[in-house]
């Protein structure tokens, strides 16, 4: 059976009334979707000029809504519970998408990696993702949408930190599919099975991803890996 994944952003914004969120989540499942990718999750409080001071704090926001600060959930109180009910009663897999086009989140990750080391020890980023795990233990994965700073070392360290905190991860290749293929190979070697799926962008900057056989590309770098069901086209 083919999985149907809906990528949504403002439609499930934390600031919306709980009744609106609940109705929309029910509509997603009724429409036949199996999974929901919610975005976008970012580091910092605003999207202005890159500022190291807000990066260092490692705060997490969903679009314009601050969710986690100083290791605590500070977002709208009903949002996690409403999503949790959709997971438990509707059987809807829910992922949070980190990064995205037009943002500098992976530049921030590279800065924090240089400051705190491979495990991001004693960083606000780690504390806030730990709080995210505790608040939403039912999350299917953190989907990594790298479209700004293609730095292998910091990307792999960040993904490994997420795995260590108990998250599975997913990949969302944009313009450079080869970056996701090579990072997948390294992650599969370090954390077998913890990269759950690849949501392959086939639109705008990701239009080149539709060329060739992406499944073969991933299988070729991870001996014994079967890409059946691993790749889902994202439109």
Protein backbone atom coordinates (compact mmCIF):
# COMPACT_ATOMS: atom_id res chain seq x y z
CA UNK A 1 0.00 0.00 0.00
CA UNK A 2 1.30 3.47 -0.94
CA UNK A 3 1.79 5.89 1.94
CA UNK A 4 0.25 9.34 1.54
CA UNK A 5 2.04 12.09 3.45
CA UNK A 6 0.66 15.61 3.77
CA UNK A 7 3.14 18.44 4.31
CA UNK A 8 1.44 21.30 6.18
CA UNK A 9 2.60 24.49 7.84
CA UNK A 10 0.28 27.34 8.88
CA UNK A 11 -2.80 25.09 8.61
CA UNK A 12 -1.80 23.50 11.94
CA UNK A 13 -0.22 26.52 13.60
CA UNK A 14 -0.04 26.22 17.41
CA UNK A 15 -1.93 29.49 17.81
CA UNK A 16 -5.12 28.20 16.16
CA UNK A 17 -8.14 27.24 18.31
CA UNK A 18 -8.04 23.63 19.49
CA UNK A 19 -11.38 22.89 17.84
CA UNK A 20 -10.03 24.05 14.48
CA UNK A 21 -6.91 21.93 14.85
CA UNK A 22 -8.92 18.86 15.84
CA UNK A 23 -11.28 19.24 12.90
CA UNK A 24 -8.43 19.67 10.43
CA UNK A 25 -6.58 16.65 11.81
CA UNK A 26 -9.72 14.56 11.39
CA UNK A 27 -10.10 15.82 7.84
CA UNK A 28 -6.53 14.75 7.02
CA UNK A 29 -7.20 11.19 8.11
CA UNK A 30 -10.62 11.08 6.44
CA UNK A 31 -8.97 12.15 3.18
CA UNK A 32 -6.83 9.01 3.28
CA UNK A 33 -3.53 10.45 4.45
CA UNK A 34 -1.37 8.17 6.57
CA UNK A 35 1.08 10.75 7.86
CA UNK A 36 1.43 14.45 8.49
CA UNK A 37 4.67 16.45 8.25
CA UNK A 38 4.29 19.66 10.23
CA UNK A 39 6.58 22.59 9.64
CA UNK A 40 8.52 24.42 10.04
CA UNK A 41 10.56 24.05 13.23
CA UNK A 42 13.40 26.57 13.60
CA UNK A 43 16.17 27.66 15.96
CA UNK A 44 15.75 31.18 17.34
CA UNK A 45 13.04 33.76 17.82
CA UNK A 46 12.88 35.57 14.49
CA UNK A 47 13.99 35.36 10.89
CA UNK A 48 15.81 38.68 10.75
CA UNK A 49 19.51 39.04 10.17
CA UNK A 50 21.46 36.03 11.47
CA UNK A 51 22.28 36.75 15.11
CA UNK A 52 24.52 34.48 17.18
CA UNK A 53 22.87 35.57 20.42
CA UNK A 54 19.54 33.92 19.60
CA UNK A 55 21.25 30.90 18.07
CA UNK A 56 23.27 30.19 21.22
CA UNK A 57 20.10 29.97 23.34
CA UNK A 58 18.91 27.11 21.11
CA UNK A 59 15.24 28.02 21.44
CA UNK A 60 12.79 26.22 19.16
CA UNK A 61 9.84 27.81 17.42
CA UNK A 62 7.19 26.59 15.01
CA UNK A 63 7.00 29.25 12.29
CA UNK A 64 6.51 32.41 14.40
CA UNK A 65 5.42 30.70 17.64
CA UNK A 66 8.01 30.04 20.34
CA UNK A 67 7.60 26.46 21.62
CA UNK A 68 10.65 25.57 23.74
CA UNK A 69 12.93 27.79 25.79
CA UNK A 70 15.40 26.94 28.56
CA UNK A 71 14.42 23.27 28.45
CA UNK A 72 10.67 23.89 28.88
CA UNK A 73 7.59 23.90 26.66
CA UNK A 74 6.34 27.49 26.54
CA UNK A 75 3.98 27.25 23.57
CA UNK A 76 0.17 27.25 23.48
CA UNK A 77 -0.95 24.73 26.13
CA UNK A 78 -3.39 22.71 24.03
CA UNK A 79 -1.28 22.09 20.94
CA UNK A 80 0.65 18.95 21.99
CA UNK A 81 -2.46 17.28 23.44
CA UNK A 82 -4.52 17.95 20.31
CA UNK A 83 -1.83 16.40 18.12
CA UNK A 84 -1.46 13.48 20.52
CA UNK A 85 -5.16 12.65 20.22
CA UNK A 86 -4.87 12.60 16.42
CA UNK A 87 -2.02 10.14 16.80
CA UNK A 88 -3.82 7.87 19.25
CA UNK A 89 -7.39 7.99 17.91
CA UNK A 90 -6.85 8.60 14.19
CA UNK A 91 -3.67 6.52 13.81
CA UNK A 92 -2.01 9.48 12.09
CA UNK A 93 1.80 9.48 12.04
CA UNK A 94 3.09 12.98 12.79
CA UNK A 95 6.56 14.37 12.11
CA UNK A 96 8.02 17.81 12.71
CA UNK A 97 10.04 19.30 9.86
CA UNK A 98 13.20 21.15 10.90
CA UNK A 99 14.75 23.74 8.57
CA UNK A 100 13.36 24.61 5.15
CA UNK A 101 14.02 26.92 2.24
CA UNK A 102 14.74 30.56 3.05
CA UNK A 103 15.91 29.80 6.60
CA UNK A 104 19.34 29.48 8.21
CA UNK A 105 18.77 26.68 10.69
CA UNK A 106 21.62 24.49 9.53
CA UNK A 107 23.96 27.47 9.65
CA UNK A 108 22.86 27.72 13.28
CA UNK A 109 23.52 24.00 13.77
CA UNK A 110 27.03 24.39 12.37
CA UNK A 111 27.71 27.28 14.77
CA UNK A 112 26.44 25.31 17.78
CA UNK A 113 28.38 22.22 16.69
CA UNK A 114 31.58 24.25 16.67
CA UNK A 115 30.77 25.72 20.08
CA UNK A 116 29.56 22.60 21.93
CA UNK A 117 31.05 19.63 20.08
CA UNK A 118 29.54 16.59 18.41
CA UNK A 119 27.02 15.78 21.17
CA UNK A 120 25.96 19.42 21.73
CA UNK A 121 26.66 18.90 25.44
CA UNK A 122 25.47 21.72 27.73
CA UNK A 123 23.72 23.44 24.84
CA UNK A 124 20.29 25.02 24.92
CA UNK A 125 19.59 23.20 21.68
CA UNK A 126 19.98 19.79 23.32
CA UNK A 127 17.92 20.81 26.38
CA UNK A 128 15.09 22.08 24.21
CA UNK A 129 15.02 19.00 21.99
CA UNK A 130 15.04 16.89 25.16
CA UNK A 131 11.98 18.86 26.29
CA UNK A 132 10.38 18.30 22.88
CA UNK A 133 10.90 14.55 23.25
CA UNK A 134 9.32 14.59 26.71
CA UNK A 135 6.39 16.72 25.56
CA UNK A 136 5.68 14.79 22.35
CA UNK A 137 6.99 11.23 22.87
CA UNK A 138 4.65 9.94 20.16
CA UNK A 139 6.30 11.92 17.33
CA UNK A 140 7.11 9.69 14.38
CA UNK A 141 10.32 11.53 13.50
CA UNK A 142 12.16 14.81 13.07
CA UNK A 143 12.34 15.48 9.34
CA UNK A 144 15.55 17.26 8.32
CA UNK A 145 15.03 19.73 5.48
CA UNK A 146 18.53 21.09 4.85
CA UNK A 147 18.45 23.91 2.31
CA UNK A 148 21.02 26.40 3.54
CA UNK A 149 24.35 25.04 4.90
CA UNK A 150 25.42 21.66 3.53
CA UNK A 151 28.00 20.78 6.18
CA UNK A 152 28.31 17.02 6.66
CA UNK A 153 29.97 17.01 10.08
CA UNK A 154 27.47 19.25 11.86
CA UNK A 155 24.47 17.69 10.06
CA UNK A 156 25.53 14.19 11.10
CA UNK A 157 26.24 15.30 14.66
CA UNK A 158 22.82 16.95 14.89
CA UNK A 159 21.04 13.86 13.56
CA UNK A 160 23.00 11.66 15.97
CA UNK A 161 22.00 13.93 18.86
CA UNK A 162 18.35 13.51 17.89
CA UNK A 163 18.73 9.73 17.78
CA UNK A 164 20.44 9.76 21.19
CA UNK A 165 17.44 11.67 22.58
CA UNK A 166 15.10 8.97 21.28
CA UNK A 167 13.92 10.45 17.97
CA UNK A 168 13.93 8.72 14.63
CA UNK A 169 14.82 10.98 11.72
CA UNK A 170 13.64 11.43 8.16
CA UNK A 171 15.34 13.15 5.24
CA UNK A 172 13.80 15.72 2.91
CA UNK A 173 16.20 16.25 -0.02
CA UNK A 174 15.87 19.56 -1.81
CA UNK A 175 18.24 20.78 -4.49
CA UNK A 176 21.15 18.41 -3.73
CA UNK A 177 19.95 14.82 -3.46
CA UNK A 178 23.54 13.57 -3.27
CA UNK A 179 23.96 15.33 0.10
CA UNK A 180 21.09 13.30 1.54
CA UNK A 181 22.45 10.09 0.00
CA UNK A 182 25.91 10.50 1.54
CA UNK A 183 24.58 11.59 4.93
CA UNK A 184 22.12 8.69 4.88
CA UNK A 185 25.04 6.29 4.32
CA UNK A 186 26.85 7.67 7.37
CA UNK A 187 23.72 7.64 9.55
CA UNK A 188 22.77 4.12 8.51
CA UNK A 189 26.25 2.95 9.48
CA UNK A 190 26.08 4.69 12.87
CA UNK A 191 22.40 4.16 13.67
CA UNK A 192 20.95 1.32 11.58
CA UNK A 193 17.25 1.70 10.96
CA UNK A 194 16.87 5.08 12.65
CA UNK A 195 16.48 6.97 9.37
CA UNK A 196 12.85 6.07 8.86
CA UNK A 197 12.09 7.46 5.43
CA UNK A 198 12.94 9.95 2.73
CA UNK A 199 10.36 12.51 1.62
CA UNK A 200 11.74 13.30 -1.80
CA UNK A 201 10.92 16.79 -3.03
CA UNK A 202 9.94 16.73 -6.70
CA UNK A 203 8.94 20.36 -7.13
CA UNK A 204 10.67 23.71 -7.68
CA UNK A 205 14.32 23.35 -6.54
CA UNK A 206 13.85 19.61 -5.98
CA UNK A 207 12.62 18.91 -9.51
CA UNK A 208 15.88 17.11 -10.32
CA UNK A 209 15.05 14.49 -7.70
CA UNK A 210 12.52 12.97 -10.09
CA UNK A 211 15.33 11.96 -12.42
CA UNK A 212 16.86 8.49 -12.32
CA UNK A 213 16.10 5.91 -9.64
CA UNK A 214 16.42 7.44 -6.15
CA UNK A 215 15.86 4.08 -4.44
CA UNK A 216 18.91 2.64 -6.18
CA UNK A 217 20.97 5.64 -5.08
CA UNK A 218 20.20 4.99 -1.40
CA UNK A 219 20.60 1.22 -1.66
CA UNK A 220 24.00 1.60 -3.38
CA UNK A 221 25.56 3.35 -0.37
CA UNK A 222 24.18 1.02 2.34
CA UNK A 223 24.85 -2.67 1.64
CA UNK A 224 21.83 -4.81 2.48
CA UNK A 225 19.47 -1.84 2.74
CA UNK A 226 16.08 -2.31 1.05
CA UNK A 227 14.56 1.01 -0.01
CA UNK A 228 11.06 -0.44 -0.51
CA UNK A 229 8.66 1.96 1.19
CA UNK A 230 11.54 4.23 2.23
CA UNK A 231 11.00 6.94 -0.37
CA UNK A 232 7.81 8.99 -0.54
CA UNK A 233 7.36 11.68 -3.20
CA UNK A 234 6.59 15.08 -1.69
CA UNK A 235 4.70 17.55 -3.85
